[in-house]
């Protein structure tokens, strides 16, 4: 595991970690569902992008405790220098906050919580 204090860690560092954890978790989810290799990349791309992650954050925001909400807000307001053209600035900030949340959950060993987020959003 990662040796970070989630309450003090830079939101962008948590998002960097969360990006990798989210992609691996989504890949694992679809492999476990039995999808074949030809479909996996397309499916993963549908769920590992700023627009999807922004939507997923909105779907779970009301379930977060105060500590996680603070983390999300801190990460959303991080000093992001560049934004992709594939989404709005707000979607990108929300996706960054979502990835930071995933990174924090991973750092805290809360893998089951990540699985619940996947189930809530992908069914």
C-alpha atoms as a PDB file:
ATOM      1  CA  UNK A   1       0.000   0.000   0.000  1.00  0.00           C
ATOM      2  CA  UNK A   2       0.916   3.644  -0.273  1.00  0.00           C
ATOM      3  CA  UNK A   3       2.268   5.510   2.726  1.00  0.00           C
ATOM      4  CA  UNK A   4       0.203   8.724   2.612  1.00  0.00           C
ATOM      5  CA  UNK A   5      -1.911  10.595   5.126  1.00  0.00           C
ATOM      6  CA  UNK A   6      -5.064  11.078   3.082  1.00  0.00           C
ATOM      7  CA  UNK A   7      -6.084  14.147   5.094  1.00  0.00           C
ATOM      8  CA  UNK A   8      -2.823  15.897   4.256  1.00  0.00           C
ATOM      9  CA  UNK A   9      -1.950  14.467   0.841  1.00  0.00           C
ATOM     10  CA  UNK A  10      -2.022  16.613  -2.264  1.00  0.00           C
ATOM     11  CA  UNK A  11      -5.294  15.967  -4.087  1.00  0.00           C
ATOM     12  CA  UNK A  12      -3.500  15.709  -7.417  1.00  0.00           C
ATOM     13  CA  UNK A  13      -1.195  13.005  -6.039  1.00  0.00           C
ATOM     14  CA  UNK A  14      -4.225  11.050  -4.838  1.00  0.00           C
ATOM     15  CA  UNK A  15      -5.871  11.585  -8.243  1.00  0.00           C
ATOM     16  CA  UNK A  16      -2.743  10.305  -9.994  1.00  0.00           C
ATOM     17  CA  UNK A  17      -2.906   7.141  -7.913  1.00  0.00           C
ATOM     18  CA  UNK A  18      -6.685   6.913  -8.202  1.00  0.00           C
ATOM     19  CA  UNK A  19      -6.517   7.080 -11.993  1.00  0.00           C
ATOM     20  CA  UNK A  20      -4.438   3.897 -12.092  1.00  0.00           C
ATOM     21  CA  UNK A  21      -6.520   2.152  -9.423  1.00  0.00           C
ATOM     22  CA  UNK A  22      -9.791   3.030 -11.185  1.00  0.00           C
ATOM     23  CA  UNK A  23      -8.596   1.736 -14.557  1.00  0.00           C
ATOM     24  CA  UNK A  24      -7.334  -1.509 -13.020  1.00  0.00           C
ATOM     25  CA  UNK A  25     -10.588  -1.920 -11.085  1.00  0.00           C
ATOM     26  CA  UNK A  26     -12.704  -1.358 -14.199  1.00  0.00           C
ATOM     27  CA  UNK A  27     -10.578  -3.763 -16.233  1.00  0.00           C
ATOM     28  CA  UNK A  28     -10.934  -6.379 -13.499  1.00  0.00           C
ATOM     29  CA  UNK A  29     -14.697  -5.808 -13.296  1.00  0.00           C
ATOM     30  CA  UNK A  30     -15.227  -6.472 -17.010  1.00  0.00           C
ATOM     31  CA  UNK A  31     -12.838  -9.432 -17.106  1.00  0.00           C
ATOM     32  CA  UNK A  32     -14.727 -10.980 -14.182  1.00  0.00           C
ATOM     33  CA  UNK A  33     -17.991 -10.391 -16.061  1.00  0.00           C
ATOM     34  CA  UNK A  34     -16.630 -12.594 -18.850  1.00  0.00           C
ATOM     35  CA  UNK A  35     -16.236 -10.037 -21.626  1.00  0.00           C
ATOM     36  CA  UNK A  36     -13.936 -11.104 -24.427  1.00  0.00           C
ATOM     37  CA  UNK A  37     -10.718  -9.347 -25.284  1.00  0.00           C
ATOM     38  CA  UNK A  38     -12.168  -7.675 -28.397  1.00  0.00           C
ATOM     39  CA  UNK A  39     -14.697  -5.770 -26.285  1.00  0.00           C
ATOM     40  CA  UNK A  40     -12.607  -5.011 -23.208  1.00  0.00           C
ATOM     41  CA  UNK A  41     -10.738  -1.944 -24.442  1.00  0.00           C
ATOM     42  CA  UNK A  42     -13.900  -0.247 -25.715  1.00  0.00           C
ATOM     43  CA  UNK A  43     -15.755  -0.957 -22.468  1.00  0.00           C
ATOM     44  CA  UNK A  44     -12.905   0.293 -20.307  1.00  0.00           C
ATOM     45  CA  UNK A  45     -12.603   3.522 -22.317  1.00  0.00           C
ATOM     46  CA  UNK A  46     -16.306   4.198 -21.741  1.00  0.00           C
ATOM     47  CA  UNK A  47     -15.738   4.226 -17.972  1.00  0.00           C
ATOM     48  CA  UNK A  48     -12.212   5.604 -17.636  1.00  0.00           C
ATOM     49  CA  UNK A  49     -12.657   9.158 -18.881  1.00  0.00           C
ATOM     50  CA  UNK A  50     -13.459  12.535 -17.369  1.00  0.00           C
ATOM     51  CA  UNK A  51     -17.096  12.669 -18.462  1.00  0.00           C
ATOM     52  CA  UNK A  52     -17.908   9.257 -16.994  1.00  0.00           C
ATOM     53  CA  UNK A  53     -15.970   9.908 -13.787  1.00  0.00           C
ATOM     54  CA  UNK A  54     -17.698  13.271 -13.324  1.00  0.00           C
ATOM     55  CA  UNK A  55     -21.049  11.486 -13.595  1.00  0.00           C
ATOM     56  CA  UNK A  56     -19.941   8.778 -11.156  1.00  0.00           C
ATOM     57  CA  UNK A  57     -18.928  11.386  -8.586  1.00  0.00           C
ATOM     58  CA  UNK A  58     -22.376  12.973  -8.823  1.00  0.00           C
ATOM     59  CA  UNK A  59     -23.970   9.535  -8.356  1.00  0.00           C
ATOM     60  CA  UNK A  60     -22.157   8.891  -5.073  1.00  0.00           C
ATOM     61  CA  UNK A  61     -21.655  12.369  -3.604  1.00  0.00           C
ATOM     62  CA  UNK A  62     -24.600  12.043  -1.195  1.00  0.00           C
ATOM     63  CA  UNK A  63     -23.138   8.826   0.253  1.00  0.00           C
ATOM     64  CA  UNK A  64     -19.824  10.401   1.294  1.00  0.00           C
ATOM     65  CA  UNK A  65     -19.024  11.294   4.876  1.00  0.00           C
ATOM     66  CA  UNK A  66     -17.717  14.731   5.851  1.00  0.00           C
ATOM     67  CA  UNK A  67     -14.056  13.693   5.616  1.00  0.00           C
ATOM     68  CA  UNK A  68     -14.478  12.349   2.077  1.00  0.00           C
ATOM     69  CA  UNK A  69     -16.509  15.408   1.029  1.00  0.00           C
ATOM     70  CA  UNK A  70     -13.686  17.621   2.263  1.00  0.00           C
ATOM     71  CA  UNK A  71     -11.213  15.575   0.227  1.00  0.00           C
ATOM     72  CA  UNK A  72     -13.419  15.789  -2.876  1.00  0.00           C
ATOM     73  CA  UNK A  73     -13.816  19.562  -2.561  1.00  0.00           C
ATOM     74  CA  UNK A  74     -10.110  20.075  -1.901  1.00  0.00           C
ATOM     75  CA  UNK A  75      -9.201  17.957  -4.917  1.00  0.00           C
ATOM     76  CA  UNK A  76     -11.774  19.599  -7.173  1.00  0.00           C
ATOM     77  CA  UNK A  77     -10.256  22.971  -6.340  1.00  0.00           C
ATOM     78  CA  UNK A  78      -6.666  21.846  -6.955  1.00  0.00           C
ATOM     79  CA  UNK A  79      -4.484  24.013  -9.141  1.00  0.00           C
ATOM     80  CA  UNK A  80      -4.893  22.113 -12.406  1.00  0.00           C
ATOM     81  CA  UNK A  81      -2.862  23.754 -15.165  1.00  0.00           C
ATOM     82  CA  UNK A  82      -4.191  22.151 -18.352  1.00  0.00           C
ATOM     83  CA  UNK A  83      -7.515  20.705 -19.407  1.00  0.00           C
ATOM     84  CA  UNK A  84      -8.374  18.291 -22.225  1.00  0.00           C
ATOM     85  CA  UNK A  85     -10.684  19.371 -25.025  1.00  0.00           C
ATOM     86  CA  UNK A  86     -12.808  16.235 -24.660  1.00  0.00           C
ATOM     87  CA  UNK A  87     -14.738  17.576 -21.658  1.00  0.00           C
ATOM     88  CA  UNK A  88     -15.652  20.765 -19.834  1.00  0.00           C
ATOM     89  CA  UNK A  89     -13.405  22.302 -17.185  1.00  0.00           C
ATOM     90  CA  UNK A  90     -15.971  21.392 -14.510  1.00  0.00           C
ATOM     91  CA  UNK A  91     -16.165  17.781 -15.678  1.00  0.00           C
ATOM     92  CA  UNK A  92     -12.387  17.547 -15.546  1.00  0.00           C
ATOM     93  CA  UNK A  93     -12.270  18.990 -12.018  1.00  0.00           C
ATOM     94  CA  UNK A  94     -14.998  16.588 -10.889  1.00  0.00           C
ATOM     95  CA  UNK A  95     -13.174  13.667 -12.508  1.00  0.00           C
ATOM     96  CA  UNK A  96      -9.986  14.711 -10.719  1.00  0.00           C
ATOM     97  CA  UNK A  97     -11.902  14.783  -7.432  1.00  0.00           C
ATOM     98  CA  UNK A  98     -13.366  11.339  -8.185  1.00  0.00           C
ATOM     99  CA  UNK A  99      -9.906   9.927  -8.920  1.00  0.00           C
ATOM    100  CA  UNK A 100      -8.576  11.486  -5.695  1.00  0.00           C
ATOM    101  CA  UNK A 101     -11.380   9.773  -3.780  1.00  0.00           C
ATOM    102  CA  UNK A 102     -10.504   6.429  -5.393  1.00  0.00           C
ATOM    103  CA  UNK A 103      -6.824   7.025  -4.570  1.00  0.00           C
ATOM    104  CA  UNK A 104      -7.710   7.816  -0.961  1.00  0.00           C
ATOM    105  CA  UNK A 105      -9.873   4.707  -0.601  1.00  0.00           C
ATOM    106  CA  UNK A 106      -7.074   2.586  -2.040  1.00  0.00           C
ATOM    107  CA  UNK A 107      -4.513   4.183   0.281  1.00  0.00           C
ATOM    108  CA  UNK A 108      -6.752   3.395   3.250  1.00  0.00           C
ATOM    109  CA  UNK A 109      -7.171  -0.207   2.105  1.00  0.00           C
ATOM    110  CA  UNK A 110     -10.883   0.258   1.383  1.00  0.00           C
ATOM    111  CA  UNK A 111     -10.962  -1.851  -1.757  1.00  0.00           C
ATOM    112  CA  UNK A 112     -14.504  -3.034  -0.999  1.00  0.00           C
ATOM    113  CA  UNK A 113     -15.664   0.603  -1.094  1.00  0.00           C
ATOM    114  CA  UNK A 114     -14.183   0.964  -4.586  1.00  0.00           C
ATOM    115  CA  UNK A 115     -16.035  -2.183  -5.638  1.00  0.00           C
ATOM    116  CA  UNK A 116     -19.281  -0.713  -4.263  1.00  0.00           C
ATOM    117  CA  UNK A 117     -18.738   2.460  -6.292  1.00  0.00           C
ATOM    118  CA  UNK A 118     -18.294   0.350  -9.415  1.00  0.00           C
ATOM    119  CA  UNK A 119     -21.429  -1.670  -8.675  1.00  0.00           C
ATOM    120  CA  UNK A 120     -23.444   1.472  -7.976  1.00  0.00           C
ATOM    121  CA  UNK A 121     -22.402   3.047 -11.269  1.00  0.00           C
ATOM    122  CA  UNK A 122     -22.112   0.062 -13.589  1.00  0.00           C
ATOM    123  CA  UNK A 123     -24.655  -2.235 -11.973  1.00  0.00           C
END
